[in-house]
Amino acid sequence: MLFEKRPVLQAARVWLQRAGAQFALLGTFPLKGQRIIEEFREAGAITPPTAQPFRAHSRAEEHAFHYFFDISVIRETTPGRYYLDERSLELLRRRLLVPWWR
C-alpha cells in the first residue's frame, strides 16, 4: 500500500523529531545540534578507532543525537561508542542548504 494510515500522534511525533533535528542543522536550534557536533570534535571522536560514549544533557539534545544517528552523521562502532562522520555531515549540509545541487 502506497499510503498507510498512522495514528495522528505517531505521525506528529515522527515529524517533530525530524523537524527539530533539521532546525538544529540549519542554525535555528544551534545550541543542541551544534553542541553535539562540537562535543564529538573536541573529544576527537571523528573516526571509528576514536569513537567515544555519548550522554545527552537534555531531551532536545537526545532527540538531535538520535536524528544524527538515524541519518548516519553519527555512527556506532561498538555498542555505546560513537563517532562523528564529518563527510556525511558535510554532504547533509550541502543538500539542506542547496537542495537542487547534487
PDB file of N, CA and C in Angstrom:
ATOM      1  N   MET A   1       0.843  -1.172   0.000  1.00  0.00           N
ATOM      2  CA  MET A   1       0.000   0.000   0.000  1.00  0.00           C
ATOM      3  C   MET A   1       0.888   1.235   0.000  1.00  0.00           C
ATOM      4  N   LEU A   2       0.660   2.139  -0.916  1.00  0.00           N
ATOM      5  CA  LEU A   2       1.491   3.321  -1.041  1.00  0.00           C
ATOM      6  C   LEU A   2       1.393   4.211   0.189  1.00  0.00           C
ATOM      7  N   PHE A   3       0.205   4.478   0.635  1.00  0.00           N
ATOM      8  CA  PHE A   3      -0.007   5.296   1.826  1.00  0.00           C
ATOM      9  C   PHE A   3      -0.674   4.440   2.880  1.00  0.00           C
ATOM     10  N   GLU A   4      -0.111   4.432   4.052  1.00  0.00           N
ATOM     11  CA  GLU A   4      -0.757   3.671   5.110  1.00  0.00           C
ATOM     12  C   GLU A   4      -1.208   4.629   6.195  1.00  0.00           C
ATOM     13  N   LYS A   5      -2.259   4.278   6.855  1.00  0.00           N
ATOM     14  CA  LYS A   5      -2.800   5.130   7.913  1.00  0.00           C
ATOM     15  C   LYS A   5      -1.982   4.945   9.176  1.00  0.00           C
ATOM     16  N   ARG A   6      -1.666   6.048   9.813  1.00  0.00           N
ATOM     17  CA  ARG A   6      -0.958   6.015  11.087  1.00  0.00           C
ATOM     18  C   ARG A   6      -1.754   6.834  12.087  1.00  0.00           C
ATOM     19  N   PRO A   7      -1.639   6.488  13.343  1.00  0.00           N
ATOM     20  CA  PRO A   7      -2.274   7.354  14.337  1.00  0.00           C
ATOM     21  C   PRO A   7      -1.670   8.756  14.255  1.00  0.00           C
ATOM     22  N   VAL A   8      -2.489   9.745  14.464  1.00  0.00           N
ATOM     23  CA  VAL A   8      -2.050  11.136  14.346  1.00  0.00           C
ATOM     24  C   VAL A   8      -0.881  11.434  15.280  1.00  0.00           C
ATOM     25  N   LEU A   9      -0.931  10.950  16.499  1.00  0.00           N
ATOM     26  CA  LEU A   9       0.160  11.226  17.451  1.00  0.00           C
ATOM     27  C   LEU A   9       1.477  10.632  16.987  1.00  0.00           C
ATOM     28  N   GLN A  10       1.443   9.444  16.417  1.00  0.00           N
ATOM     29  CA  GLN A  10       2.673   8.820  15.917  1.00  0.00           C
ATOM     30  C   GLN A  10       3.245   9.626  14.761  1.00  0.00           C
ATOM     31  N   ALA A  11       2.399  10.036  13.845  1.00  0.00           N
ATOM     32  CA  ALA A  11       2.862  10.838  12.711  1.00  0.00           C
ATOM     33  C   ALA A  11       3.416  12.178  13.185  1.00  0.00           C
ATOM     34  N   ALA A  12       2.747  12.806  14.148  1.00  0.00           N
ATOM     35  CA  ALA A  12       3.218  14.091  14.676  1.00  0.00           C
ATOM     36  C   ALA A  12       4.556  13.932  15.375  1.00  0.00           C
ATOM     37  N   ARG A  13       4.731  12.852  16.122  1.00  0.00           N
ATOM     38  CA  ARG A  13       5.989  12.616  16.846  1.00  0.00           C
ATOM     39  C   ARG A  13       7.148  12.459  15.855  1.00  0.00           C
ATOM     40  N   VAL A  14       6.932  11.690  14.802  1.00  0.00           N
ATOM     41  CA  VAL A  14       7.968  11.497  13.788  1.00  0.00           C
ATOM     42  C   VAL A  14       8.300  12.824  13.121  1.00  0.00           C
ATOM     43  N   TRP A  15       7.288  13.582  12.768  1.00  0.00           N
ATOM     44  CA  TRP A  15       7.512  14.878  12.125  1.00  0.00           C
ATOM     45  C   TRP A  15       8.291  15.813  13.036  1.00  0.00           C
ATOM     46  N   LEU A  16       7.930  15.881  14.310  1.00  0.00           N
ATOM     47  CA  LEU A  16       8.630  16.766  15.251  1.00  0.00           C
ATOM     48  C   LEU A  16      10.080  16.361  15.438  1.00  0.00           C
ATOM     49  N   GLN A  17      10.349  15.062  15.488  1.00  0.00           N
ATOM     50  CA  GLN A  17      11.738  14.613  15.625  1.00  0.00           C
ATOM     51  C   GLN A  17      12.554  15.038  14.408  1.00  0.00           C
ATOM     52  N   ARG A  18      12.003  14.839  13.229  1.00  0.00           N
ATOM     53  CA  ARG A  18      12.722  15.212  12.012  1.00  0.00           C
ATOM     54  C   ARG A  18      12.877  16.724  11.900  1.00  0.00           C
ATOM     55  N   ALA A  19      11.826  17.447  12.186  1.00  0.00           N
ATOM     56  CA  ALA A  19      11.880  18.908  12.078  1.00  0.00           C
ATOM     57  C   ALA A  19      12.859  19.498  13.091  1.00  0.00           C
ATOM     58  N   GLY A  20      12.853  18.990  14.313  1.00  0.00           N
ATOM     59  CA  GLY A  20      13.757  19.504  15.339  1.00  0.00           C
ATOM     60  C   GLY A  20      15.214  19.340  14.959  1.00  0.00           C
ATOM     61  N   ALA A  21      15.564  18.200  14.433  1.00  0.00           N
ATOM     62  CA  ALA A  21      16.951  17.979  14.027  1.00  0.00           C
ATOM     63  C   ALA A  21      17.292  18.798  12.786  1.00  0.00           C
ATOM     64  N   GLN A  22      16.342  18.988  11.879  1.00  0.00           N
ATOM     65  CA  GLN A  22      16.595  19.846  10.720  1.00  0.00           C
ATOM     66  C   GLN A  22      16.902  21.266  11.192  1.00  0.00           C
ATOM     67  N   PHE A  23      16.137  21.763  12.152  1.00  0.00           N
ATOM     68  CA  PHE A  23      16.392  23.092  12.684  1.00  0.00           C
ATOM     69  C   PHE A  23      17.768  23.166  13.336  1.00  0.00           C
ATOM     70  N   ALA A  24      18.173  22.091  13.989  1.00  0.00           N
ATOM     71  CA  ALA A  24      19.495  22.061  14.613  1.00  0.00           C
ATOM     72  C   ALA A  24      20.577  22.235  13.563  1.00  0.00           C
ATOM     73  N   LEU A  25      20.413  21.578  12.426  1.00  0.00           N
ATOM     74  CA  LEU A  25      21.414  21.686  11.369  1.00  0.00           C
ATOM     75  C   LEU A  25      21.409  23.042  10.703  1.00  0.00           C
ATOM     76  N   LEU A  26      20.256  23.657  10.589  1.00  0.00           N
ATOM     77  CA  LEU A  26      20.154  24.930   9.884  1.00  0.00           C
ATOM     78  C   LEU A  26      20.490  26.128  10.747  1.00  0.00           C
ATOM     79  N   GLY A  27      20.711  25.933  12.020  1.00  0.00           N
ATOM     80  CA  GLY A  27      21.096  27.040  12.872  1.00  0.00           C
ATOM     81  C   GLY A  27      19.956  27.630  13.669  1.00  0.00           C
ATOM     82  N   THR A  28      18.734  27.207  13.444  1.00  0.00           N
ATOM     83  CA  THR A  28      17.604  27.702  14.211  1.00  0.00           C
ATOM     84  C   THR A  28      17.628  27.133  15.615  1.00  0.00           C
ATOM     85  N   PHE A  29      18.247  26.008  15.762  1.00  0.00           N
ATOM     86  CA  PHE A  29      18.301  25.305  17.039  1.00  0.00           C
ATOM     87  C   PHE A  29      19.758  24.953  17.344  1.00  0.00           C
ATOM     88  N   PRO A  30      20.655  25.939  17.294  1.00  0.00           N
ATOM     89  CA  PRO A  30      22.102  25.670  17.310  1.00  0.00           C
ATOM     90  C   PRO A  30      22.658  25.122  18.619  1.00  0.00           C
ATOM     91  N   LEU A  31      22.042  25.435  19.725  1.00  0.00           N
ATOM     92  CA  LEU A  31      22.624  25.033  20.995  1.00  0.00           C
ATOM     93  C   LEU A  31      22.553  23.529  21.241  1.00  0.00           C
ATOM     94  N   LYS A  32      21.704  22.837  20.522  1.00  0.00           N
ATOM     95  CA  LYS A  32      21.593  21.388  20.716  1.00  0.00           C
ATOM     96  C   LYS A  32      22.394  20.622  19.667  1.00  0.00           C
ATOM     97  N   GLY A  33      22.045  20.804  18.403  1.00  0.00           N
ATOM     98  CA  GLY A  33      22.746  20.086  17.337  1.00  0.00           C
ATOM     99  C   GLY A  33      24.213  20.459  17.253  1.00  0.00           C
ATOM    100  N   GLN A  34      24.493  21.755  17.342  1.00  0.00           N
ATOM    101  CA  GLN A  34      25.884  22.208  17.276  1.00  0.00           C
ATOM    102  C   GLN A  34      26.679  21.734  18.480  1.00  0.00           C
ATOM    103  N   ARG A  35      26.031  21.689  19.634  1.00  0.00           N
ATOM    104  CA  ARG A  35      26.727  21.234  20.840  1.00  0.00           C
ATOM    105  C   ARG A  35      27.179  19.778  20.688  1.00  0.00           C
ATOM    106  N   ILE A  36      26.315  18.954  20.130  1.00  0.00           N
ATOM    107  CA  ILE A  36      26.658  17.548  19.919  1.00  0.00           C
ATOM    108  C   ILE A  36      27.852  17.436  18.976  1.00  0.00           C
ATOM    109  N   ILE A  37      27.799  18.157  17.872  1.00  0.00           N
ATOM    110  CA  ILE A  37      28.891  18.125  16.898  1.00  0.00           C
ATOM    111  C   ILE A  37      30.188  18.603  17.535  1.00  0.00           C
ATOM    112  N   GLU A  38      30.132  19.693  18.280  1.00  0.00           N
ATOM    113  CA  GLU A  38      31.328  20.221  18.944  1.00  0.00           C
ATOM    114  C   GLU A  38      31.884  19.235  19.967  1.00  0.00           C
ATOM    115  N   GLU A  39      31.005  18.575  20.711  1.00  0.00           N
ATOM    116  CA  GLU A  39      31.479  17.608  21.703  1.00  0.00           C
ATOM    117  C   GLU A  39      32.236  16.454  21.052  1.00  0.00           C
ATOM    118  N   PHE A  40      31.720  15.967  19.942  1.00  0.00           N
ATOM    119  CA  PHE A  40      32.421  14.878  19.249  1.00  0.00           C
ATOM    120  C   PHE A  40      33.764  15.367  18.707  1.00  0.00           C
ATOM    121  N   ARG A  41      33.791  16.558  18.152  1.00  0.00           N
ATOM    122  CA  ARG A  41      35.060  17.098  17.630  1.00  0.00           C
ATOM    123  C   ARG A  41      36.062  17.322  18.753  1.00  0.00           C
ATOM    124  N   GLU A  42      35.624  17.932  19.846  1.00  0.00           N
ATOM    125  CA  GLU A  42      36.526  18.195  20.967  1.00  0.00           C
ATOM    126  C   GLU A  42      37.072  16.908  21.579  1.00  0.00           C
ATOM    127  N   ALA A  43      36.244  15.861  21.593  1.00  0.00           N
ATOM    128  CA  ALA A  43      36.686  14.575  22.136  1.00  0.00           C
ATOM    129  C   ALA A  43      37.568  13.820  21.146  1.00  0.00           C
ATOM    130  N   GLY A  44      37.637  14.310  19.909  1.00  0.00           N
ATOM    131  CA  GLY A  44      38.430  13.635  18.885  1.00  0.00           C
ATOM    132  C   GLY A  44      37.730  12.419  18.312  1.00  0.00           C
ATOM    133  N   ALA A  45      36.423  12.305  18.542  1.00  0.00           N
ATOM    134  CA  ALA A  45      35.647  11.146  18.080  1.00  0.00           C
ATOM    135  C   ALA A  45      35.148  11.393  16.661  1.00  0.00           C
ATOM    136  N   ILE A  46      36.095  11.329  15.716  1.00  0.00           N
ATOM    137  CA  ILE A  46      35.744  11.612  14.323  1.00  0.00           C
ATOM    138  C   ILE A  46      36.143  10.472  13.376  1.00  0.00           C
ATOM    139  N   THR A  47      36.585   9.367  13.921  1.00  0.00           N
ATOM    140  CA  THR A  47      36.899   8.168  13.138  1.00  0.00           C
ATOM    141  C   THR A  47      36.473   6.949  13.959  1.00  0.00           C
ATOM    142  N   PRO A  48      36.284   5.803  13.327  1.00  0.00           N
ATOM    143  CA  PRO A  48      35.893   4.619  14.099  1.00  0.00           C
ATOM    144  C   PRO A  48      36.843   4.260  15.248  1.00  0.00           C
ATOM    145  N   PRO A  49      38.162   4.333  15.059  1.00  0.00           N
ATOM    146  CA  PRO A  49      39.045   3.985  16.191  1.00  0.00           C
ATOM    147  C   PRO A  49      38.975   4.971  17.364  1.00  0.00           C
ATOM    148  N   THR A  50      38.519   6.196  17.115  1.00  0.00           N
ATOM    149  CA  THR A  50      38.463   7.191  18.189  1.00  0.00           C
ATOM    150  C   THR A  50      37.055   7.371  18.752  1.00  0.00           C
ATOM    151  N   ALA A  51      36.150   6.432  18.468  1.00  0.00           N
ATOM    152  CA  ALA A  51      34.764   6.523  18.934  1.00  0.00           C
ATOM    153  C   ALA A  51      34.698   6.646  20.455  1.00  0.00           C
ATOM    154  N   GLN A  52      33.711   7.393  20.930  1.00  0.00           N
ATOM    155  CA  GLN A  52      33.551   7.680  22.358  1.00  0.00           C
ATOM    156  C   GLN A  52      32.107   7.410  22.785  1.00  0.00           C
ATOM    157  N   PRO A  53      31.881   7.189  24.075  1.00  0.00           N
ATOM    158  CA  PRO A  53      30.500   7.124  24.563  1.00  0.00           C
ATOM    159  C   PRO A  53      29.887   8.525  24.530  1.00  0.00           C
ATOM    160  N   PHE A  54      28.571   8.607  24.444  1.00  0.00           N
ATOM    161  CA  PHE A  54      27.882   9.898  24.430  1.00  0.00           C
ATOM    162  C   PHE A  54      26.723   9.861  25.403  1.00  0.00           C
ATOM    163  N   ARG A  55      26.565  10.960  26.138  1.00  0.00           N
ATOM    164  CA  ARG A  55      25.449  11.111  27.073  1.00  0.00           C
ATOM    165  C   ARG A  55      24.808  12.462  26.801  1.00  0.00           C
ATOM    166  N   ALA A  56      23.535  12.459  26.444  1.00  0.00           N
ATOM    167  CA  ALA A  56      22.804  13.695  26.175  1.00  0.00           C
ATOM    168  C   ALA A  56      22.581  14.463  27.478  1.00  0.00           C
ATOM    169  N   HIS A  57      22.592  15.795  27.389  1.00  0.00           N
ATOM    170  CA  HIS A  57      22.396  16.653  28.559  1.00  0.00           C
ATOM    171  C   HIS A  57      20.960  17.125  28.692  1.00  0.00           C
ATOM    172  N   SER A  58      20.150  16.902  27.666  1.00  0.00           N
ATOM    173  CA  SER A  58      18.746  17.311  27.711  1.00  0.00           C
ATOM    174  C   SER A  58      17.948  16.438  26.750  1.00  0.00           C
ATOM    175  N   ARG A  59      16.660  16.525  26.877  1.00  0.00           N
ATOM    176  CA  ARG A  59      15.794  15.754  25.993  1.00  0.00           C
ATOM    177  C   ARG A  59      15.919  16.231  24.539  1.00  0.00           C
ATOM    178  N   ALA A  60      16.026  17.540  24.346  1.00  0.00           N
ATOM    179  CA  ALA A  60      16.186  18.090  22.996  1.00  0.00           C
ATOM    180  C   ALA A  60      17.504  17.616  22.378  1.00  0.00           C
ATOM    181  N   GLU A  61      18.562  17.595  23.175  1.00  0.00           N
ATOM    182  CA  GLU A  61      19.849  17.112  22.688  1.00  0.00           C
ATOM    183  C   GLU A  61      19.774  15.620  22.357  1.00  0.00           C
ATOM    184  N   GLU A  62      19.028  14.870  23.142  1.00  0.00           N
ATOM    185  CA  GLU A  62      18.853  13.445  22.875  1.00  0.00           C
ATOM    186  C   GLU A  62      18.130  13.229  21.542  1.00  0.00           C
ATOM    187  N   HIS A  63      17.111  14.038  21.271  1.00  0.00           N
ATOM    188  CA  HIS A  63      16.396  13.926  20.001  1.00  0.00           C
ATOM    189  C   HIS A  63      17.311  14.261  18.824  1.00  0.00           C
ATOM    190  N   ALA A  64      18.090  15.312  18.962  1.00  0.00           N
ATOM    191  CA  ALA A  64      19.020  15.684  17.890  1.00  0.00           C
ATOM    192  C   ALA A  64      20.058  14.584  17.673  1.00  0.00           C
ATOM    193  N   PHE A  65      20.563  14.017  18.763  1.00  0.00           N
ATOM    194  CA  PHE A  65      21.533  12.924  18.660  1.00  0.00           C
ATOM    195  C   PHE A  65      20.935  11.737  17.896  1.00  0.00           C
ATOM    196  N   HIS A  66      19.723  11.338  18.262  1.00  0.00           N
ATOM    197  CA  HIS A  66      19.086  10.200  17.592  1.00  0.00           C
ATOM    198  C   HIS A  66      18.840  10.491  16.114  1.00  0.00           C
ATOM    199  N   TYR A  67      18.496  11.726  15.803  1.00  0.00           N
ATOM    200  CA  TYR A  67      18.315  12.076  14.400  1.00  0.00           C
ATOM    201  C   TYR A  67      19.638  11.963  13.647  1.00  0.00           C
ATOM    202  N   PHE A  68      20.709  12.528  14.222  1.00  0.00           N
ATOM    203  CA  PHE A  68      22.035  12.430  13.588  1.00  0.00           C
ATOM    204  C   PHE A  68      22.424  10.969  13.402  1.00  0.00           C
ATOM    205  N   PHE A  69      22.103  10.138  14.393  1.00  0.00           N
ATOM    206  CA  PHE A  69      22.412   8.711  14.294  1.00  0.00           C
ATOM    207  C   PHE A  69      21.586   8.058  13.179  1.00  0.00           C
ATOM    208  N   ASP A  70      20.304   8.379  13.115  1.00  0.00           N
ATOM    209  CA  ASP A  70      19.419   7.792  12.097  1.00  0.00           C
ATOM    210  C   ASP A  70      19.850   8.135  10.676  1.00  0.00           C
ATOM    211  N   ILE A  71      20.434   9.310  10.479  1.00  0.00           N
ATOM    212  CA  ILE A  71      20.845   9.718   9.128  1.00  0.00           C
ATOM    213  C   ILE A  71      22.343   9.498   8.907  1.00  0.00           C
ATOM    214  N   SER A  72      22.981   8.772   9.796  1.00  0.00           N
ATOM    215  CA  SER A  72      24.386   8.357   9.686  1.00  0.00           C
ATOM    216  C   SER A  72      25.401   9.493   9.759  1.00  0.00           C
ATOM    217  N   VAL A  73      25.051  10.584  10.405  1.00  0.00           N
ATOM    218  CA  VAL A  73      26.043  11.625  10.690  1.00  0.00           C
ATOM    219  C   VAL A  73      26.847  11.194  11.908  1.00  0.00           C
ATOM    220  N   ILE A  74      26.173  10.531  12.833  1.00  0.00           N
ATOM    221  CA  ILE A  74      26.844   9.909  13.968  1.00  0.00           C
ATOM    222  C   ILE A  74      26.707   8.406  13.764  1.00  0.00           C
ATOM    223  N   ARG A  75      27.814   7.714  13.898  1.00  0.00           N
ATOM    224  CA  ARG A  75      27.820   6.261  13.661  1.00  0.00           C
ATOM    225  C   ARG A  75      28.300   5.538  14.918  1.00  0.00           C
ATOM    226  N   GLU A  76      27.843   4.320  15.068  1.00  0.00           N
ATOM    227  CA  GLU A  76      28.212   3.498  16.224  1.00  0.00           C
ATOM    228  C   GLU A  76      29.182   2.414  15.774  1.00  0.00           C
ATOM    229  N   THR A  77      30.303   2.306  16.470  1.00  0.00           N
ATOM    230  CA  THR A  77      31.288   1.274  16.124  1.00  0.00           C
ATOM    231  C   THR A  77      31.023   0.001  16.909  1.00  0.00           C
ATOM    232  N   THR A  78      30.919   0.129  18.200  1.00  0.00           N
ATOM    233  CA  THR A  78      30.542  -0.967  19.089  1.00  0.00           C
ATOM    234  C   THR A  78      29.425  -0.423  19.974  1.00  0.00           C
ATOM    235  N   PRO A  79      28.661  -1.287  20.618  1.00  0.00           N
ATOM    236  CA  PRO A  79      27.549  -0.774  21.423  1.00  0.00           C
ATOM    237  C   PRO A  79      27.985   0.312  22.411  1.00  0.00           C
ATOM    238  N   GLY A  80      27.373   1.488  22.270  1.00  0.00           N
ATOM    239  CA  GLY A  80      27.643   2.598  23.178  1.00  0.00           C
ATOM    240  C   GLY A  80      28.815   3.489  22.808  1.00  0.00           C
ATOM    241  N   ARG A  81      29.491   3.231  21.696  1.00  0.00           N
ATOM    242  CA  ARG A  81      30.635   4.052  21.275  1.00  0.00           C
ATOM    243  C   ARG A  81      30.332   4.634  19.892  1.00  0.00           C
ATOM    244  N   TYR A  82      30.433   5.955  19.797  1.00  0.00           N
ATOM    245  CA  TYR A  82      30.005   6.675  18.604  1.00  0.00           C
ATOM    246  C   TYR A  82      31.094   7.616  18.102  1.00  0.00           C
ATOM    247  N   TYR A  83      30.999   7.947  16.815  1.00  0.00           N
ATOM    248  CA  TYR A  83      31.890   8.961  16.247  1.00  0.00           C
ATOM    249  C   TYR A  83      31.123   9.798  15.244  1.00  0.00           C
ATOM    250  N   LEU A  84      31.626  11.002  15.015  1.00  0.00           N
ATOM    251  CA  LEU A  84      31.039  11.937  14.062  1.00  0.00           C
ATOM    252  C   LEU A  84      31.620  11.664  12.684  1.00  0.00           C
ATOM    253  N   ASP A  85      30.758  11.403  11.719  1.00  0.00           N
ATOM    254  CA  ASP A  85      31.190  11.185  10.342  1.00  0.00           C
ATOM    255  C   ASP A  85      31.138  12.552   9.640  1.00  0.00           C
ATOM    256  N   GLU A  86      32.279  13.220   9.595  1.00  0.00           N
ATOM    257  CA  GLU A  86      32.363  14.573   9.033  1.00  0.00           C
ATOM    258  C   GLU A  86      31.919  14.624   7.570  1.00  0.00           C
ATOM    259  N   ARG A  87      32.239  13.591   6.828  1.00  0.00           N
ATOM    260  CA  ARG A  87      31.862  13.583   5.408  1.00  0.00           C
ATOM    261  C   ARG A  87      30.341  13.545   5.239  1.00  0.00           C
ATOM    262  N   SER A  88      29.680  12.719   6.013  1.00  0.00           N
ATOM    263  CA  SER A  88      28.209  12.654   5.962  1.00  0.00           C
ATOM    264  C   SER A  88      27.590  13.977   6.395  1.00  0.00           C
ATOM    265  N   LEU A  89      28.175  14.608   7.394  1.00  0.00           N
ATOM    266  CA  LEU A  89      27.678  15.903   7.855  1.00  0.00           C
ATOM    267  C   LEU A  89      27.795  16.950   6.758  1.00  0.00           C
ATOM    268  N   GLU A  90      28.927  16.990   6.087  1.00  0.00           N
ATOM    269  CA  GLU A  90      29.125  17.958   5.010  1.00  0.00           C
ATOM    270  C   GLU A  90      28.161  17.699   3.851  1.00  0.00           C
ATOM    271  N   LEU A  91      27.966  16.456   3.489  1.00  0.00           N
ATOM    272  CA  LEU A  91      27.018  16.126   2.416  1.00  0.00           C
ATOM    273  C   LEU A  91      25.600  16.545   2.793  1.00  0.00           C
ATOM    274  N   LEU A  92      25.242  16.331   4.040  1.00  0.00           N
ATOM    275  CA  LEU A  92      23.918  16.720   4.506  1.00  0.00           C
ATOM    276  C   LEU A  92      23.748  18.233   4.467  1.00  0.00           C
ATOM    277  N   ARG A  93      24.749  18.949   4.914  1.00  0.00           N
ATOM    278  CA  ARG A  93      24.677  20.421   4.892  1.00  0.00           C
ATOM    279  C   ARG A  93      24.506  20.927   3.464  1.00  0.00           C
ATOM    280  N   ARG A  94      25.220  20.344   2.535  1.00  0.00           N
ATOM    281  CA  ARG A  94      25.100  20.762   1.132  1.00  0.00           C
ATOM    282  C   ARG A  94      23.703  20.509   0.606  1.00  0.00           C
ATOM    283  N   ARG A  95      23.150  19.354   0.929  1.00  0.00           N
ATOM    284  CA  ARG A  95      21.796  19.024   0.454  1.00  0.00           C
ATOM    285  C   ARG A  95      20.747  19.938   1.061  1.00  0.00           C
ATOM    286  N   LEU A  96      20.908  20.287   2.336  1.00  0.00           N
ATOM    287  CA  LEU A  96      19.908  21.121   3.000  1.00  0.00           C
ATOM    288  C   LEU A  96      19.983  22.573   2.560  1.00  0.00           C
ATOM    289  N   LEU A  97      21.195  23.060   2.355  1.00  0.00           N
ATOM    290  CA  LEU A  97      21.341  24.471   2.008  1.00  0.00           C
ATOM    291  C   LEU A  97      21.122  24.736   0.526  1.00  0.00           C
ATOM    292  N   VAL A  98      21.450  23.783  -0.319  1.00  0.00           N
ATOM    293  CA  VAL A  98      21.280  23.933  -1.758  1.00  0.00           C
ATOM    294  C   VAL A  98      20.617  22.653  -2.270  1.00  0.00           C
ATOM    295  N   PRO A  99      19.290  22.524  -2.048  1.00  0.00           N
ATOM    296  CA  PRO A  99      18.622  21.254  -2.348  1.00  0.00           C
ATOM    297  C   PRO A  99      18.644  20.862  -3.821  1.00  0.00           C
ATOM    298  N   TRP A 100      18.779  21.792  -4.727  1.00  0.00           N
ATOM    299  CA  TRP A 100      18.764  21.458  -6.146  1.00  0.00           C
ATOM    300  C   TRP A 100      20.145  21.040  -6.661  1.00  0.00           C
ATOM    301  N   TRP A 101      21.196  21.207  -5.842  1.00  0.00           N
ATOM    302  CA  TRP A 101      22.561  20.840  -6.244  1.00  0.00           C
ATOM    303  C   TRP A 101      22.824  19.398  -5.863  1.00  0.00           C
ATOM    304  N   ARG A 102      23.338  18.609  -6.776  1.00  0.00           N
ATOM    305  CA  ARG A 102      23.661  17.201  -6.474  1.00  0.00           C
ATOM    306  C   ARG A 102      25.043  16.876  -6.941  1.00  0.00           C
TER     307      ARG A 102
END
